[in-house]
């Protein structure tokens, strides 16, 4: 009677696993790893879409960091956009999640309605609608006119144009709201019961129980929303008419990368911008992880 080798079974199982994973592995190599390697190489060249270019080493990076005022402007605009929109979006999402956490009649429909804008997240149609709402004769100015308030040129003024993008980002709070809903449902009811017996106010319960217990989810949402804010493109492109105006006040990082790569055909330069974005996000994420031990509470900690 033949005895099957244990190693033979393991080898066959490993081979079967790789066979089943091969479509995904090929996709990762062809659509992710390969383009990343190509982009890293192009960032060190003067490659243009219709010109093979030449090797320039780190010149693209040096120019971006020292001699390109529009790049510095795009970084500052994106930083402001991120620092304002992300906290507002998360605060709004948490507030609505706390209102919808109870299973009352019709709450499912309300959750779906609040989540709907996030499903339409980066669509051109939503950005066009937003442009119409904040236009000179848009809905916002019409509502202000009813109360006798003179509307402003929201989209053509450098002082207000970026705020229209921030408002759009905050309006699409549905995705973090759903995640907050799941986290709120996991907070032990016994903690709230103990706080009620002790006579704690609702505000005290929120700061001492609810907020600490959902800090891991806040941390998760924070990282996702920061990355999403840095990658924001469609609203900026549509609202500004593809220019980042007025006076580069809506020139987000991804929009400037697009203008350099697909309008100016400076693909090598745009590739360097892409890798600097990877570096920026890596630094920001690293700082968040480094500081998380001071404010993120995990229930299994002792």
Protein backbone atom coordinates (compact mmCIF):
# COMPACT_ATOMS: atom_id res chain seq x y z
CA UNK A 1 0.00 0.00 0.00
CA UNK A 2 1.46 3.35 -1.08
CA UNK A 3 1.78 6.01 1.59
CA UNK A 4 1.34 9.57 0.41
CA UNK A 5 4.06 11.95 1.43
CA UNK A 6 3.03 14.81 3.66
CA UNK A 7 5.39 17.11 1.77
CA UNK A 8 3.79 16.00 -1.49
CA UNK A 9 0.36 17.00 -0.22
CA UNK A 10 1.68 20.37 0.92
CA UNK A 11 3.33 20.97 -2.44
CA UNK A 12 0.13 20.11 -4.30
CA UNK A 13 -1.90 22.40 -2.06
CA UNK A 14 0.60 25.22 -2.55
CA UNK A 15 0.52 24.71 -6.30
CA UNK A 16 -3.28 24.76 -6.31
CA UNK A 17 -3.29 27.94 -4.22
CA UNK A 18 -0.92 29.72 -6.62
CA UNK A 19 -2.99 28.51 -9.57
CA UNK A 20 -6.15 29.99 -8.09
CA UNK A 21 -4.35 33.21 -7.15
CA UNK A 22 -2.64 33.56 -10.52
CA UNK A 23 -5.28 35.90 -12.08
CA UNK A 24 -4.93 38.28 -9.13
CA UNK A 25 -1.13 38.02 -9.11
CA UNK A 26 -0.96 38.71 -12.85
CA UNK A 27 -3.29 41.67 -12.39
CA UNK A 28 -1.15 43.11 -9.59
CA UNK A 29 2.04 42.71 -11.63
CA UNK A 30 0.56 44.11 -14.85
CA UNK A 31 -1.64 46.87 -13.43
CA UNK A 32 0.10 47.93 -10.20
CA UNK A 33 3.72 46.83 -9.78
CA UNK A 34 4.65 47.26 -13.44
CA UNK A 35 3.24 50.79 -13.78
CA UNK A 36 4.84 51.78 -10.47
CA UNK A 37 8.28 50.67 -11.66
CA UNK A 38 7.74 52.44 -14.99
CA UNK A 39 6.61 55.60 -13.21
CA UNK A 40 9.65 55.54 -10.92
CA UNK A 41 11.92 55.32 -13.97
CA UNK A 42 10.06 58.05 -15.89
CA UNK A 43 10.33 60.38 -12.90
CA UNK A 44 14.09 60.39 -13.50
CA UNK A 45 13.74 61.36 -17.17
CA UNK A 46 12.45 64.30 -19.21
CA UNK A 47 9.94 62.01 -20.93
CA UNK A 48 7.09 63.71 -22.75
CA UNK A 49 4.13 61.88 -24.19
CA UNK A 50 5.37 62.25 -27.79
CA UNK A 51 9.09 62.42 -26.99
CA UNK A 52 11.17 59.60 -25.43
CA UNK A 53 13.09 62.18 -23.40
CA UNK A 54 16.45 61.69 -21.71
CA UNK A 55 17.85 60.74 -18.32
CA UNK A 56 17.89 63.73 -15.94
CA UNK A 57 18.34 62.01 -12.60
CA UNK A 58 16.83 63.95 -9.71
CA UNK A 59 16.36 67.17 -11.67
CA UNK A 60 12.57 66.82 -11.73
CA UNK A 61 12.46 66.47 -7.94
CA UNK A 62 14.84 69.38 -7.40
CA UNK A 63 12.78 71.62 -9.68
CA UNK A 64 9.54 70.65 -7.95
CA UNK A 65 10.90 71.39 -4.50
CA UNK A 66 12.89 74.53 -5.28
CA UNK A 67 11.82 76.18 -8.54
CA UNK A 68 8.12 75.53 -9.20
CA UNK A 69 5.82 78.05 -7.47
CA UNK A 70 2.69 76.32 -8.81
CA UNK A 71 3.76 73.07 -7.18
CA UNK A 72 4.23 74.85 -3.86
CA UNK A 73 0.81 76.45 -4.34
CA UNK A 74 -0.82 73.08 -5.04
CA UNK A 75 0.71 71.63 -1.87
CA UNK A 76 -0.49 74.55 0.26
CA UNK A 77 -4.00 74.49 -1.26
CA UNK A 78 -4.25 70.72 -0.75
CA UNK A 79 -2.96 70.99 2.82
CA UNK A 80 -5.55 73.67 3.65
CA UNK A 81 -8.29 71.68 1.95
CA UNK A 82 -7.34 68.54 3.89
CA UNK A 83 -6.91 70.22 7.28
CA UNK A 84 -10.35 71.86 7.04
CA UNK A 85 -12.49 69.34 5.14
CA UNK A 86 -11.39 66.12 6.89
CA UNK A 87 -12.14 67.18 10.51
CA UNK A 88 -15.43 68.78 9.46
CA UNK A 89 -16.43 65.71 7.48
CA UNK A 90 -15.62 63.32 10.31
CA UNK A 91 -17.36 65.49 12.92
CA UNK A 92 -20.47 65.74 10.78
CA UNK A 93 -20.41 62.01 10.02
CA UNK A 94 -20.11 61.14 13.73
CA UNK A 95 -22.89 63.54 14.71
CA UNK A 96 -25.30 62.06 12.15
CA UNK A 97 -24.25 58.51 13.08
CA UNK A 98 -25.13 59.16 16.71
CA UNK A 99 -28.55 60.41 15.64
CA UNK A 100 -29.16 57.33 13.48
CA UNK A 101 -27.70 54.64 15.75
CA UNK A 102 -31.06 53.78 17.33
CA UNK A 103 -33.28 51.35 15.45
CA UNK A 104 -36.38 53.49 15.16
CA UNK A 105 -39.01 53.39 12.41
CA UNK A 106 -37.71 54.64 9.08
CA UNK A 107 -34.10 54.89 10.25
CA UNK A 108 -32.96 52.50 7.51
CA UNK A 109 -34.27 54.85 4.84
CA UNK A 110 -32.57 57.79 6.50
CA UNK A 111 -29.26 55.94 6.60
CA UNK A 112 -29.54 55.12 2.91
CA UNK A 113 -30.44 58.73 2.07
CA UNK A 114 -27.45 60.10 3.97
CA UNK A 115 -25.15 57.52 2.40
CA UNK A 116 -26.29 58.22 -1.16
CA UNK A 117 -24.03 61.28 -1.79
CA UNK A 118 -20.97 59.18 -1.00
CA UNK A 119 -21.98 56.63 -3.62
CA UNK A 120 -21.90 59.44 -6.17
CA UNK A 121 -18.58 60.58 -4.72
CA UNK A 122 -16.29 61.44 -7.62
CA UNK A 123 -18.91 61.70 -10.35
CA UNK A 124 -18.73 64.52 -12.85
CA UNK A 125 -22.50 65.03 -12.59
CA UNK A 126 -22.29 65.89 -8.89
CA UNK A 127 -19.42 68.32 -9.51
CA UNK A 128 -21.41 70.01 -12.30
CA UNK A 129 -24.43 70.24 -10.01
CA UNK A 130 -22.23 71.83 -7.35
CA UNK A 131 -20.94 74.34 -9.89
CA UNK A 132 -24.51 75.30 -10.76
CA UNK A 133 -25.55 75.57 -7.10
CA UNK A 134 -22.71 77.99 -6.30
CA UNK A 135 -22.85 79.88 -9.59
CA UNK A 136 -23.66 83.59 -9.77
CA UNK A 137 -27.35 82.77 -10.32
CA UNK A 138 -27.23 79.50 -8.40
CA UNK A 139 -29.42 78.21 -5.62
CA UNK A 140 -27.20 79.52 -2.82
CA UNK A 141 -27.34 83.13 -3.99
CA UNK A 142 -31.07 82.83 -4.70
CA UNK A 143 -31.72 81.67 -1.13
CA UNK A 144 -29.55 84.51 0.22
CA UNK A 145 -31.49 86.95 -1.94
CA UNK A 146 -34.76 85.91 -0.29
CA UNK A 147 -33.35 87.21 3.00
CA UNK A 148 -32.05 90.38 1.38
CA UNK A 149 -28.41 89.25 1.46
CA UNK A 150 -26.26 90.09 -1.55
CA UNK A 151 -24.74 86.90 -2.93
CA UNK A 152 -21.05 86.62 -3.71
CA UNK A 153 -19.24 85.13 -6.65
CA UNK A 154 -18.44 81.82 -4.93
CA UNK A 155 -16.58 80.21 -7.82
CA UNK A 156 -14.71 83.19 -9.25
CA UNK A 157 -13.43 84.66 -6.00
CA UNK A 158 -10.12 83.25 -4.67
CA UNK A 159 -11.41 83.83 -1.13
CA UNK A 160 -14.44 81.55 -1.47
CA UNK A 161 -13.75 79.09 -4.30
CA UNK A 162 -11.87 76.56 -2.15
CA UNK A 163 -14.73 76.62 0.36
CA UNK A 164 -17.11 75.28 -2.28
CA UNK A 165 -14.86 72.22 -2.62
CA UNK A 166 -14.72 71.86 1.15
CA UNK A 167 -18.52 72.04 1.35
CA UNK A 168 -18.79 69.33 -1.31
CA UNK A 169 -16.37 67.09 0.60
CA UNK A 170 -18.27 67.53 3.87
CA UNK A 171 -21.61 66.87 2.12
CA UNK A 172 -20.32 63.45 1.07
CA UNK A 173 -19.99 62.19 4.64
CA UNK A 174 -21.93 58.95 4.13
CA UNK A 175 -19.00 56.54 3.97
CA UNK A 176 -17.40 57.46 7.34
CA UNK A 177 -20.91 57.74 8.80
CA UNK A 178 -21.62 54.08 8.05
CA UNK A 179 -18.32 53.06 9.64
CA UNK A 180 -19.10 55.17 12.72
CA UNK A 181 -22.53 53.53 12.94
CA UNK A 182 -20.91 50.10 13.10
CA UNK A 183 -18.49 51.30 15.79
CA UNK A 184 -21.21 52.89 17.93
CA UNK A 185 -23.19 49.66 17.92
CA UNK A 186 -20.16 47.85 19.37
CA UNK A 187 -19.86 50.04 22.47
CA UNK A 188 -20.94 47.89 25.46
CA UNK A 189 -24.36 48.89 26.76
CA UNK A 190 -23.19 48.11 30.30
CA UNK A 191 -20.92 51.16 30.20
CA UNK A 192 -23.86 53.44 29.44
CA UNK A 193 -25.94 51.79 32.15
CA UNK A 194 -23.18 52.34 34.71
CA UNK A 195 -22.86 55.98 33.66
CA UNK A 196 -26.62 56.47 34.01
CA UNK A 197 -26.56 55.02 37.52
CA UNK A 198 -23.71 57.39 38.41
CA UNK A 199 -25.75 60.35 37.13
CA UNK A 200 -23.39 61.29 34.31
CA UNK A 201 -24.67 63.85 31.81
CA UNK A 202 -24.97 63.03 28.10
CA UNK A 203 -22.04 65.27 27.32
CA UNK A 204 -19.92 63.50 29.96
CA UNK A 205 -20.96 60.09 28.62
CA UNK A 206 -19.91 61.13 25.13
CA UNK A 207 -16.45 62.37 26.18
CA UNK A 208 -15.71 59.62 28.71
CA UNK A 209 -17.29 56.55 27.08
CA UNK A 210 -18.40 56.94 23.47
CA UNK A 211 -15.43 58.89 22.12
CA UNK A 212 -12.67 56.78 23.73
CA UNK A 213 -14.34 53.53 22.71
CA UNK A 214 -14.53 54.48 19.02
CA UNK A 215 -11.06 56.05 18.72
CA UNK A 216 -9.74 53.09 16.65
CA UNK A 217 -12.48 53.75 14.10
CA UNK A 218 -11.81 57.49 14.22
CA UNK A 219 -8.17 56.70 13.49
CA UNK A 220 -9.15 54.43 10.60
CA UNK A 221 -11.52 57.00 9.10
CA UNK A 222 -8.95 59.76 9.56
CA UNK A 223 -6.31 57.94 7.52
CA UNK A 224 -8.77 57.02 4.76
CA UNK A 225 -10.14 60.56 4.48
CA UNK A 226 -6.69 62.20 4.45
CA UNK A 227 -5.57 59.91 1.63
CA UNK A 228 -8.81 60.59 -0.23
CA UNK A 229 -8.44 64.36 0.21
CA UNK A 230 -4.92 64.33 -1.25
CA UNK A 231 -6.18 62.30 -4.21
CA UNK A 232 -9.22 64.50 -4.85
CA UNK A 233 -9.43 65.43 -8.53
CA UNK A 234 -12.86 65.51 -10.20
CA UNK A 235 -14.54 68.27 -8.11
CA UNK A 236 -11.52 70.55 -8.46
CA UNK A 237 -11.32 69.92 -12.20
CA UNK A 238 -15.01 70.53 -12.89
CA UNK A 239 -15.61 73.41 -10.47
CA UNK A 240 -12.51 75.31 -11.62
CA UNK A 241 -13.04 74.53 -15.29
CA UNK A 242 -9.89 72.42 -15.40
CA UNK A 243 -7.55 75.31 -14.54
CA UNK A 244 -7.36 75.32 -10.74
CA UNK A 245 -8.50 78.94 -10.74
CA UNK A 246 -9.20 81.55 -9.83
CA UNK A 247 -5.54 82.41 -9.19
CA UNK A 248 -4.80 78.75 -8.45
CA UNK A 249 -7.04 78.88 -5.38
CA UNK A 250 -8.50 75.44 -6.21
CA UNK A 251 -5.32 73.92 -7.62
CA UNK A 252 -5.33 70.67 -5.70
CA UNK A 253 -2.33 68.35 -5.97
CA UNK A 254 -3.96 65.78 -8.24
CA UNK A 255 -5.26 68.47 -10.58
CA UNK A 256 -1.81 70.00 -11.01
CA UNK A 257 -0.38 66.52 -11.63
CA UNK A 258 -3.00 66.02 -14.34
CA UNK A 259 -2.23 69.40 -15.92
CA UNK A 260 1.48 68.63 -16.07
CA UNK A 261 1.07 65.09 -17.35
CA UNK A 262 -1.94 65.16 -19.66
CA UNK A 263 -2.16 68.81 -20.70
CA UNK A 264 1.49 69.79 -20.78
CA UNK A 265 2.56 66.23 -21.73
CA UNK A 266 5.42 66.41 -19.18
CA UNK A 267 5.04 62.80 -18.09
CA UNK A 268 8.43 62.56 -16.41
CA UNK A 269 7.69 65.64 -14.34
CA UNK A 270 4.20 64.36 -13.45
CA UNK A 271 5.69 60.99 -12.42
CA UNK A 272 8.01 62.79 -10.02
CA UNK A 273 4.98 64.58 -8.59
CA UNK A 274 3.24 61.24 -8.11
CA UNK A 275 6.16 59.80 -6.17
CA UNK A 276 6.43 62.91 -4.02
CA UNK A 277 2.74 62.44 -3.23
CA UNK A 278 3.49 58.87 -2.15
CA UNK A 279 6.22 60.26 0.10
CA UNK A 280 3.93 62.93 1.58
CA UNK A 281 1.21 60.42 2.34
CA UNK A 282 3.77 58.04 3.81
CA UNK A 283 5.07 60.74 6.16
CA UNK A 284 1.59 61.85 7.22
CA UNK A 285 0.45 58.27 7.80
CA UNK A 286 3.63 57.50 9.72
CA UNK A 287 3.09 60.51 11.98
CA UNK A 288 -0.48 59.46 12.64
CA UNK A 289 0.60 55.95 13.60
CA UNK A 290 3.39 57.34 15.78
CA UNK A 291 1.00 59.61 17.70
CA UNK A 292 -1.91 57.14 17.83
CA UNK A 293 -0.62 55.51 21.01
CA UNK A 294 -1.41 58.76 22.87
CA UNK A 295 -5.07 58.99 21.90
CA UNK A 296 -6.28 55.71 20.38
CA UNK A 297 -7.77 53.36 22.95
CA UNK A 298 -8.03 49.63 22.29
CA UNK A 299 -10.34 47.64 24.50
CA UNK A 300 -7.87 44.79 25.02
CA UNK A 301 -5.17 47.09 26.45
CA UNK A 302 -4.22 46.58 30.06
